[in-house]
């Protein structure tokens, strides 16, 4: 099998599974692990995957985005720690925006149930995770439902947000970099995120370490727009320091 054909098949498998392992790929393709590592290195150089210890996962772009079913299986323990730390940053906020994605969905279920709180979201799963809390009022933004993420997008969602003043926004992204800021593959998703950022007094970014250094098609925020970034210890301390120089506090959990 030629290397280009192998690269194509490797990328297809990574996008289908959400993550691939070097040992499994070497067995599947009948080649040495070193060959797979070189292949993944080339795909990473082209911005198509991110390497991890023993494997790789696909980078989301304008032409590819993981769906919710994949997100609930990747980096789960890291996402739970990040969400728990994010919930601790609530402070005295009375209104919060909680973004689409699995980490915000976890966070929504961790918000305090012993005081009145209004949660605004475009995400159906996030709304469902929070709606049974007795003191929590859930406001679901309207619009077209994206089947990949089960989140509402479009002018209706943005129009609803434009009439609100939100104390704290919890936002995620497909990529975050010091050069390109926060990015996502779909312009209509970027519009909702940008509007939520605009109408919020405080902004917290939640994202596992694999988001850092990656960039996608549509920029909706700068790193300096956030007061706090919460990630996991997979982001090296030196790199966290570089991000902190742009303004936000970096918390690694």
C-alpha atoms as a PDB file:
ATOM      1  CA  UNK A   1       0.000   0.000   0.000  1.00  0.00           C
ATOM      2  CA  UNK A   2       1.400   3.384  -0.995  1.00  0.00           C
ATOM      3  CA  UNK A   3       1.921   5.933   1.762  1.00  0.00           C
ATOM      4  CA  UNK A   4      -0.702   8.379   0.409  1.00  0.00           C
ATOM      5  CA  UNK A   5      -3.332   5.648   0.330  1.00  0.00           C
ATOM      6  CA  UNK A   6      -2.374   4.643   3.867  1.00  0.00           C
ATOM      7  CA  UNK A   7      -2.601   8.280   5.008  1.00  0.00           C
ATOM      8  CA  UNK A   8      -6.102   8.538   3.549  1.00  0.00           C
ATOM      9  CA  UNK A   9      -7.243   5.353   5.264  1.00  0.00           C
ATOM     10  CA  UNK A  10      -5.662   6.388   8.574  1.00  0.00           C
ATOM     11  CA  UNK A  11      -7.460   9.732   8.492  1.00  0.00           C
ATOM     12  CA  UNK A  12     -10.760   8.078   7.574  1.00  0.00           C
ATOM     13  CA  UNK A  13     -10.429   5.689  10.528  1.00  0.00           C
ATOM     14  CA  UNK A  14      -9.504   8.512  12.909  1.00  0.00           C
ATOM     15  CA  UNK A  15     -12.553  10.530  11.861  1.00  0.00           C
ATOM     16  CA  UNK A  16     -14.860   7.518  12.097  1.00  0.00           C
ATOM     17  CA  UNK A  17     -13.618   6.319  15.502  1.00  0.00           C
ATOM     18  CA  UNK A  18     -12.663   9.639  17.080  1.00  0.00           C
ATOM     19  CA  UNK A  19      -9.262   8.237  18.101  1.00  0.00           C
ATOM     20  CA  UNK A  20      -6.795   5.665  16.758  1.00  0.00           C
ATOM     21  CA  UNK A  21      -3.999   3.715  18.447  1.00  0.00           C
ATOM     22  CA  UNK A  22      -0.589   3.041  16.887  1.00  0.00           C
ATOM     23  CA  UNK A  23      -0.497  -0.631  17.923  1.00  0.00           C
ATOM     24  CA  UNK A  24      -3.954  -1.346  16.491  1.00  0.00           C
ATOM     25  CA  UNK A  25      -3.194   0.446  13.229  1.00  0.00           C
ATOM     26  CA  UNK A  26       0.117  -1.378  12.802  1.00  0.00           C
ATOM     27  CA  UNK A  27      -1.698  -4.706  13.171  1.00  0.00           C
ATOM     28  CA  UNK A  28      -4.546  -3.660  10.850  1.00  0.00           C
ATOM     29  CA  UNK A  29      -2.214  -2.443   8.107  1.00  0.00           C
ATOM     30  CA  UNK A  30       0.461  -5.099   8.567  1.00  0.00           C
ATOM     31  CA  UNK A  31       3.276  -2.573   8.987  1.00  0.00           C
ATOM     32  CA  UNK A  32       5.703  -1.682  11.757  1.00  0.00           C
ATOM     33  CA  UNK A  33       4.571   0.725  14.505  1.00  0.00           C
ATOM     34  CA  UNK A  34       7.348   3.090  13.401  1.00  0.00           C
ATOM     35  CA  UNK A  35       5.677   3.373   9.990  1.00  0.00           C
ATOM     36  CA  UNK A  36       2.364   4.326  11.587  1.00  0.00           C
ATOM     37  CA  UNK A  37       4.094   6.882  13.795  1.00  0.00           C
ATOM     38  CA  UNK A  38       5.685   8.482  10.725  1.00  0.00           C
ATOM     39  CA  UNK A  39       2.313   8.498   8.969  1.00  0.00           C
ATOM     40  CA  UNK A  40       0.608  10.151  11.937  1.00  0.00           C
ATOM     41  CA  UNK A  41       3.463  12.639  12.154  1.00  0.00           C
ATOM     42  CA  UNK A  42       2.888  13.611   8.540  1.00  0.00           C
ATOM     43  CA  UNK A  43      -0.863  13.946   9.089  1.00  0.00           C
ATOM     44  CA  UNK A  44      -0.178  16.115  12.129  1.00  0.00           C
ATOM     45  CA  UNK A  45       2.200  18.289  10.106  1.00  0.00           C
ATOM     46  CA  UNK A  46      -0.641  18.825   7.619  1.00  0.00           C
ATOM     47  CA  UNK A  47      -2.985  19.844  10.446  1.00  0.00           C
ATOM     48  CA  UNK A  48      -5.293  16.835  10.089  1.00  0.00           C
ATOM     49  CA  UNK A  49      -4.665  14.995  13.378  1.00  0.00           C
ATOM     50  CA  UNK A  50      -3.169  15.675  16.797  1.00  0.00           C
ATOM     51  CA  UNK A  51      -0.758  13.156  18.258  1.00  0.00           C
ATOM     52  CA  UNK A  52      -1.259  11.707  21.728  1.00  0.00           C
ATOM     53  CA  UNK A  53       0.690   9.134  23.690  1.00  0.00           C
ATOM     54  CA  UNK A  54       0.255   5.947  21.673  1.00  0.00           C
ATOM     55  CA  UNK A  55      -2.169   7.324  19.099  1.00  0.00           C
ATOM     56  CA  UNK A  56      -3.898  10.323  17.550  1.00  0.00           C
ATOM     57  CA  UNK A  57      -7.275  11.963  17.113  1.00  0.00           C
ATOM     58  CA  UNK A  58      -8.634  14.068  14.226  1.00  0.00           C
ATOM     59  CA  UNK A  59      -8.474  17.845  14.149  1.00  0.00           C
ATOM     60  CA  UNK A  60     -11.812  19.466  13.422  1.00  0.00           C
ATOM     61  CA  UNK A  61     -11.937  21.711  10.373  1.00  0.00           C
ATOM     62  CA  UNK A  62     -14.368  23.325   7.968  1.00  0.00           C
ATOM     63  CA  UNK A  63     -14.766  19.964   6.248  1.00  0.00           C
ATOM     64  CA  UNK A  64     -14.856  17.722   9.312  1.00  0.00           C
ATOM     65  CA  UNK A  65     -16.383  17.944  12.771  1.00  0.00           C
ATOM     66  CA  UNK A  66     -16.876  15.226  15.390  1.00  0.00           C
ATOM     67  CA  UNK A  67     -20.467  14.581  16.390  1.00  0.00           C
ATOM     68  CA  UNK A  68     -21.868  14.453  19.908  1.00  0.00           C
ATOM     69  CA  UNK A  69     -21.729  10.642  20.038  1.00  0.00           C
ATOM     70  CA  UNK A  70     -17.938  10.779  19.571  1.00  0.00           C
ATOM     71  CA  UNK A  71     -17.441  13.649  22.005  1.00  0.00           C
ATOM     72  CA  UNK A  72     -19.005  11.747  24.899  1.00  0.00           C
ATOM     73  CA  UNK A  73     -16.334   9.030  24.534  1.00  0.00           C
ATOM     74  CA  UNK A  74     -13.182  11.176  24.203  1.00  0.00           C
ATOM     75  CA  UNK A  75     -11.158  12.663  27.101  1.00  0.00           C
ATOM     76  CA  UNK A  76     -14.105  11.950  29.421  1.00  0.00           C
ATOM     77  CA  UNK A  77     -12.263  12.114  32.751  1.00  0.00           C
ATOM     78  CA  UNK A  78     -10.510  15.327  31.740  1.00  0.00           C
ATOM     79  CA  UNK A  79     -13.836  16.851  30.687  1.00  0.00           C
ATOM     80  CA  UNK A  80     -15.430  15.946  34.029  1.00  0.00           C
ATOM     81  CA  UNK A  81     -12.621  17.625  35.975  1.00  0.00           C
ATOM     82  CA  UNK A  82     -12.754  20.690  33.732  1.00  0.00           C
ATOM     83  CA  UNK A  83     -16.539  20.969  34.120  1.00  0.00           C
ATOM     84  CA  UNK A  84     -16.329  20.611  37.900  1.00  0.00           C
ATOM     85  CA  UNK A  85     -13.720  23.363  38.103  1.00  0.00           C
ATOM     86  CA  UNK A  86     -15.800  25.549  35.804  1.00  0.00           C
ATOM     87  CA  UNK A  87     -18.814  25.196  38.095  1.00  0.00           C
ATOM     88  CA  UNK A  88     -16.664  26.450  41.003  1.00  0.00           C
ATOM     89  CA  UNK A  89     -16.133  29.716  39.128  1.00  0.00           C
ATOM     90  CA  UNK A  90     -19.835  30.588  39.177  1.00  0.00           C
ATOM     91  CA  UNK A  91     -19.464  33.138  41.970  1.00  0.00           C
ATOM     92  CA  UNK A  92     -22.562  35.272  42.511  1.00  0.00           C
ATOM     93  CA  UNK A  93     -23.773  34.991  38.904  1.00  0.00           C
ATOM     94  CA  UNK A  94     -27.536  34.834  38.542  1.00  0.00           C
ATOM     95  CA  UNK A  95     -27.641  34.264  34.778  1.00  0.00           C
ATOM     96  CA  UNK A  96     -25.294  31.987  32.836  1.00  0.00           C
ATOM     97  CA  UNK A  97     -24.853  31.010  29.208  1.00  0.00           C
ATOM     98  CA  UNK A  98     -23.747  27.406  28.754  1.00  0.00           C
ATOM     99  CA  UNK A  99     -22.396  26.492  25.343  1.00  0.00           C
ATOM    100  CA  UNK A 100     -23.012  23.394  23.238  1.00  0.00           C
ATOM    101  CA  UNK A 101     -20.682  20.406  23.657  1.00  0.00           C
ATOM    102  CA  UNK A 102     -20.148  17.602  26.137  1.00  0.00           C
ATOM    103  CA  UNK A 103     -18.049  19.484  28.710  1.00  0.00           C
ATOM    104  CA  UNK A 104     -20.659  22.277  29.062  1.00  0.00           C
ATOM    105  CA  UNK A 105     -23.347  19.589  29.255  1.00  0.00           C
ATOM    106  CA  UNK A 106     -21.550  18.050  32.230  1.00  0.00           C
ATOM    107  CA  UNK A 107     -21.168  21.487  33.803  1.00  0.00           C
ATOM    108  CA  UNK A 108     -24.892  22.219  33.474  1.00  0.00           C
ATOM    109  CA  UNK A 109     -25.683  19.209  35.642  1.00  0.00           C
ATOM    110  CA  UNK A 110     -23.210  20.452  38.294  1.00  0.00           C
ATOM    111  CA  UNK A 111     -24.645  23.938  38.756  1.00  0.00           C
ATOM    112  CA  UNK A 112     -25.954  24.571  42.291  1.00  0.00           C
ATOM    113  CA  UNK A 113     -29.521  23.526  42.963  1.00  0.00           C
ATOM    114  CA  UNK A 114     -29.928  25.478  46.209  1.00  0.00           C
ATOM    115  CA  UNK A 115     -30.380  28.989  44.795  1.00  0.00           C
ATOM    116  CA  UNK A 116     -32.226  30.627  41.893  1.00  0.00           C
ATOM    117  CA  UNK A 117     -30.245  30.616  38.653  1.00  0.00           C
ATOM    118  CA  UNK A 118     -31.176  31.201  35.006  1.00  0.00           C
ATOM    119  CA  UNK A 119     -29.373  29.119  32.403  1.00  0.00           C
ATOM    120  CA  UNK A 120     -29.385  30.145  28.733  1.00  0.00           C
ATOM    121  CA  UNK A 121     -28.257  27.623  26.127  1.00  0.00           C
ATOM    122  CA  UNK A 122     -28.603  26.726  22.466  1.00  0.00           C
ATOM    123  CA  UNK A 123     -27.954  23.049  23.231  1.00  0.00           C
ATOM    124  CA  UNK A 124     -30.806  20.577  23.615  1.00  0.00           C
ATOM    125  CA  UNK A 125     -28.689  18.073  25.641  1.00  0.00           C
ATOM    126  CA  UNK A 126     -27.457  20.863  27.924  1.00  0.00           C
ATOM    127  CA  UNK A 127     -31.006  22.070  28.542  1.00  0.00           C
ATOM    128  CA  UNK A 128     -32.117  18.510  29.280  1.00  0.00           C
ATOM    129  CA  UNK A 129     -29.227  18.010  31.719  1.00  0.00           C
ATOM    130  CA  UNK A 130     -30.298  21.027  33.787  1.00  0.00           C
ATOM    131  CA  UNK A 131     -34.056  21.293  33.473  1.00  0.00           C
ATOM    132  CA  UNK A 132     -34.944  19.084  36.465  1.00  0.00           C
ATOM    133  CA  UNK A 133     -33.058  21.249  38.970  1.00  0.00           C
ATOM    134  CA  UNK A 134     -35.768  22.865  41.173  1.00  0.00           C
ATOM    135  CA  UNK A 135     -34.288  26.375  41.362  1.00  0.00           C
ATOM    136  CA  UNK A 136     -32.908  26.521  37.823  1.00  0.00           C
ATOM    137  CA  UNK A 137     -34.776  28.315  35.048  1.00  0.00           C
ATOM    138  CA  UNK A 138     -33.701  27.037  31.620  1.00  0.00           C
ATOM    139  CA  UNK A 139     -34.047  29.250  28.541  1.00  0.00           C
ATOM    140  CA  UNK A 140     -33.484  27.366  25.276  1.00  0.00           C
ATOM    141  CA  UNK A 141     -32.553  29.548  22.316  1.00  0.00           C
ATOM    142  CA  UNK A 142     -34.541  29.001  19.134  1.00  0.00           C
ATOM    143  CA  UNK A 143     -33.349  28.326  15.608  1.00  0.00           C
ATOM    144  CA  UNK A 144     -32.350  25.483  13.326  1.00  0.00           C
ATOM    145  CA  UNK A 145     -31.155  22.342  15.113  1.00  0.00           C
ATOM    146  CA  UNK A 146     -27.785  21.064  13.900  1.00  0.00           C
ATOM    147  CA  UNK A 147     -28.061  17.292  13.795  1.00  0.00           C
ATOM    148  CA  UNK A 148     -24.343  16.815  14.488  1.00  0.00           C
ATOM    149  CA  UNK A 149     -24.398  18.628  17.846  1.00  0.00           C
ATOM    150  CA  UNK A 150     -28.116  18.968  18.681  1.00  0.00           C
ATOM    151  CA  UNK A 151     -27.696  22.716  19.144  1.00  0.00           C
ATOM    152  CA  UNK A 152     -29.778  25.559  17.732  1.00  0.00           C
ATOM    153  CA  UNK A 153     -28.120  28.033  15.383  1.00  0.00           C
ATOM    154  CA  UNK A 154     -29.103  30.905  13.128  1.00  0.00           C
ATOM    155  CA  UNK A 155     -30.577  34.382  13.327  1.00  0.00           C
ATOM    156  CA  UNK A 156     -33.301  33.464  15.848  1.00  0.00           C
ATOM    157  CA  UNK A 157     -30.744  32.264  18.398  1.00  0.00           C
ATOM    158  CA  UNK A 158     -28.618  35.375  17.893  1.00  0.00           C
ATOM    159  CA  UNK A 159     -31.638  37.685  18.101  1.00  0.00           C
ATOM    160  CA  UNK A 160     -32.713  36.146  21.407  1.00  0.00           C
ATOM    161  CA  UNK A 161     -29.206  36.564  22.822  1.00  0.00           C
ATOM    162  CA  UNK A 162     -29.000  40.184  21.696  1.00  0.00           C
ATOM    163  CA  UNK A 163     -31.842  41.075  24.058  1.00  0.00           C
ATOM    164  CA  UNK A 164     -30.144  39.588  27.129  1.00  0.00           C
ATOM    165  CA  UNK A 165     -27.498  40.627  29.633  1.00  0.00           C
ATOM    166  CA  UNK A 166     -25.726  37.552  30.997  1.00  0.00           C
ATOM    167  CA  UNK A 167     -23.517  37.467  34.082  1.00  0.00           C
ATOM    168  CA  UNK A 168     -21.264  34.585  33.046  1.00  0.00           C
ATOM    169  CA  UNK A 169     -20.742  32.678  29.791  1.00  0.00           C
ATOM    170  CA  UNK A 170     -19.170  29.224  29.707  1.00  0.00           C
ATOM    171  CA  UNK A 171     -17.857  28.741  26.185  1.00  0.00           C
ATOM    172  CA  UNK A 172     -16.063  26.016  24.291  1.00  0.00           C
ATOM    173  CA  UNK A 173     -14.511  25.803  20.842  1.00  0.00           C
ATOM    174  CA  UNK A 174     -13.099  23.340  18.335  1.00  0.00           C
ATOM    175  CA  UNK A 175      -9.710  24.992  18.566  1.00  0.00           C
ATOM    176  CA  UNK A 176      -7.849  27.651  20.527  1.00  0.00           C
ATOM    177  CA  UNK A 177      -4.507  29.146  19.594  1.00  0.00           C
ATOM    178  CA  UNK A 178      -2.505  32.193  20.561  1.00  0.00           C
ATOM    179  CA  UNK A 179      -2.300  33.225  16.914  1.00  0.00           C
ATOM    180  CA  UNK A 180      -5.885  32.668  15.723  1.00  0.00           C
ATOM    181  CA  UNK A 181      -7.907  32.792  18.933  1.00  0.00           C
ATOM    182  CA  UNK A 182     -10.974  30.584  19.331  1.00  0.00           C
ATOM    183  CA  UNK A 183     -12.335  28.919  16.214  1.00  0.00           C
ATOM    184  CA  UNK A 184     -15.087  26.570  15.069  1.00  0.00           C
ATOM    185  CA  UNK A 185     -15.825  24.980  11.665  1.00  0.00           C
ATOM    186  CA  UNK A 186     -19.321  26.384  11.031  1.00  0.00           C
ATOM    187  CA  UNK A 187     -20.068  30.135  10.576  1.00  0.00           C
ATOM    188  CA  UNK A 188     -23.556  29.871  12.110  1.00  0.00           C
ATOM    189  CA  UNK A 189     -22.095  28.259  15.239  1.00  0.00           C
ATOM    190  CA  UNK A 190     -19.479  30.995  15.420  1.00  0.00           C
ATOM    191  CA  UNK A 191     -22.249  33.614  15.225  1.00  0.00           C
ATOM    192  CA  UNK A 192     -24.031  32.220  18.294  1.00  0.00           C
ATOM    193  CA  UNK A 193     -20.816  31.955  20.287  1.00  0.00           C
ATOM    194  CA  UNK A 194     -19.743  35.485  19.343  1.00  0.00           C
ATOM    195  CA  UNK A 195     -23.113  36.910  20.352  1.00  0.00           C
ATOM    196  CA  UNK A 196     -23.017  35.073  23.693  1.00  0.00           C
ATOM    197  CA  UNK A 197     -19.540  36.495  24.270  1.00  0.00           C
ATOM    198  CA  UNK A 198     -20.766  39.989  23.413  1.00  0.00           C
ATOM    199  CA  UNK A 199     -23.689  40.041  25.878  1.00  0.00           C
ATOM    200  CA  UNK A 200     -21.833  38.465  28.825  1.00  0.00           C
ATOM    201  CA  UNK A 201     -20.047  40.307  31.608  1.00  0.00           C
ATOM    202  CA  UNK A 202     -17.676  37.429  32.432  1.00  0.00           C
ATOM    203  CA  UNK A 203     -16.367  34.717  30.104  1.00  0.00           C
ATOM    204  CA  UNK A 204     -14.833  31.346  30.953  1.00  0.00           C
ATOM    205  CA  UNK A 205     -13.403  28.957  28.371  1.00  0.00           C
ATOM    206  CA  UNK A 206     -13.637  25.208  29.005  1.00  0.00           C
ATOM    207  CA  UNK A 207     -11.578  22.831  26.867  1.00  0.00           C
ATOM    208  CA  UNK A 208      -9.281  19.828  27.119  1.00  0.00           C
ATOM    209  CA  UNK A 209      -5.612  20.187  26.188  1.00  0.00           C
ATOM    210  CA  UNK A 210      -6.098  18.790  22.680  1.00  0.00           C
ATOM    211  CA  UNK A 211      -7.939  21.973  21.668  1.00  0.00           C
ATOM    212  CA  UNK A 212      -4.818  24.087  22.180  1.00  0.00           C
ATOM    213  CA  UNK A 213      -2.745  24.962  19.167  1.00  0.00           C
ATOM    214  CA  UNK A 214      -5.542  23.834  16.836  1.00  0.00           C
ATOM    215  CA  UNK A 215      -7.475  26.181  14.579  1.00  0.00           C
ATOM    216  CA  UNK A 216     -10.574  25.826  12.457  1.00  0.00           C
ATOM    217  CA  UNK A 217     -12.406  27.895   9.855  1.00  0.00           C
ATOM    218  CA  UNK A 218     -14.314  30.616  11.756  1.00  0.00           C
ATOM    219  CA  UNK A 219     -12.836  32.803  14.496  1.00  0.00           C
ATOM    220  CA  UNK A 220     -15.313  34.071  17.087  1.00  0.00           C
ATOM    221  CA  UNK A 221     -13.138  35.269  19.974  1.00  0.00           C
ATOM    222  CA  UNK A 222      -9.630  36.166  21.072  1.00  0.00           C
ATOM    223  CA  UNK A 223      -7.852  34.492  23.961  1.00  0.00           C
ATOM    224  CA  UNK A 224      -7.795  37.820  25.799  1.00  0.00           C
ATOM    225  CA  UNK A 225     -11.608  38.013  25.769  1.00  0.00           C
ATOM    226  CA  UNK A 226     -11.731  35.492  28.650  1.00  0.00           C
ATOM    227  CA  UNK A 227     -11.092  36.026  32.330  1.00  0.00           C
ATOM    228  CA  UNK A 228     -10.338  32.330  32.882  1.00  0.00           C
ATOM    229  CA  UNK A 229      -9.377  29.301  30.801  1.00  0.00           C
ATOM    230  CA  UNK A 230      -9.935  25.893  32.365  1.00  0.00           C
ATOM    231  CA  UNK A 231      -8.141  22.900  30.872  1.00  0.00           C
ATOM    232  CA  UNK A 232      -6.338  19.746  32.027  1.00  0.00           C
ATOM    233  CA  UNK A 233      -2.719  19.078  32.902  1.00  0.00           C
ATOM    234  CA  UNK A 234      -2.104  17.696  29.416  1.00  0.00           C
ATOM    235  CA  UNK A 235      -1.412  21.317  28.479  1.00  0.00           C
ATOM    236  CA  UNK A 236       2.238  21.884  29.508  1.00  0.00           C
ATOM    237  CA  UNK A 237       2.802  24.498  32.203  1.00  0.00           C
ATOM    238  CA  UNK A 238       5.080  26.496  29.912  1.00  0.00           C
ATOM    239  CA  UNK A 239       2.413  26.661  27.225  1.00  0.00           C
ATOM    240  CA  UNK A 240      -0.217  27.620  29.807  1.00  0.00           C
ATOM    241  CA  UNK A 241       2.057  30.477  30.832  1.00  0.00           C
ATOM    242  CA  UNK A 242       2.196  31.717  27.226  1.00  0.00           C
ATOM    243  CA  UNK A 243      -1.594  31.810  27.060  1.00  0.00           C
ATOM    244  CA  UNK A 244      -1.796  33.608  30.409  1.00  0.00           C
ATOM    245  CA  UNK A 245       0.359  36.419  28.993  1.00  0.00           C
ATOM    246  CA  UNK A 246      -2.585  37.248  26.721  1.00  0.00           C
ATOM    247  CA  UNK A 247      -4.770  38.049  29.724  1.00  0.00           C
ATOM    248  CA  UNK A 248      -6.736  35.120  31.165  1.00  0.00           C
ATOM    249  CA  UNK A 249      -6.032  33.106  34.269  1.00  0.00           C
ATOM    250  CA  UNK A 250      -5.162  29.534  33.254  1.00  0.00           C
ATOM    251  CA  UNK A 251      -6.389  26.727  35.517  1.00  0.00           C
ATOM    252  CA  UNK A 252      -5.071  23.205  34.823  1.00  0.00           C
ATOM    253  CA  UNK A 253      -6.940  20.390  36.596  1.00  0.00           C
END
